[in-house]
Amino acid sequence: MDFTIHTTDTAPQDSRETLAAVVDKFGFVPNVVGVMAESPALLKAYATLSSLFEETSLTPTERNVVILAISATNACSYCVAAHSVGATMQKVPADVIEALRSGRPLSDGKLEALRRLAAAIVETRGYPKDDVVRAFLDAGYSRANLLEVIVGVGMKTLSNYTNHIAETPLDDAFQPARWSEPAET
């Protein structure tokens, strides 16, 4: 399906303020955000959830684990590439990023419990098995953290599904982290 990748000049009026804030934060309008701008409601929802997710008690590394695990589980090539670049910029260890991209377990037990929970929430449509939730809580996370992961799931669902439907082309800035779903082993 053909979608316009909007700029601050071509977007509907109600999307322009949000796009300007994206440019202020990132220096450009990522293609997915440009596509979302067609619907001011979608763009505002994504921007709001992104901002709220950053306010959670999860650390930057933990938030990156959540969004990369969700994006990989949803097989969103665009988001895995974009967030791999973002995670690198936020100093997430390279081995953590590579494990998330390749579908391997994380060597850090606490982060692995977080990865498993985020992926399980997506895979089970919100019905993760009790043992996955118990492992998450036993790893030192709280019930509030569990609910914060759901904020990440909501946010990434908006962008992952937008990219699936729009077949969003990968920005030049994210090309070094191009990704495709690993083959089943």
Foldseek 3Di string as FASTA:
>chain_A
DAAFQAALVRADPLLNVLRVVVCVVPVGQFSLLSRLSNPSVLNVLLVVLVVVLVVAPDDPLLLLLLLLLLLLLLFQQQSLLVSLLVCVVVVRDPQSSVCSQQVHADPDQQSSLSSQLSSQCNVVVHCRDPVSVVSNVVSPDDPSVSVSSVSSNVSSVSSSVSCVVNVGDHDPVRVVRGGGHHDDD
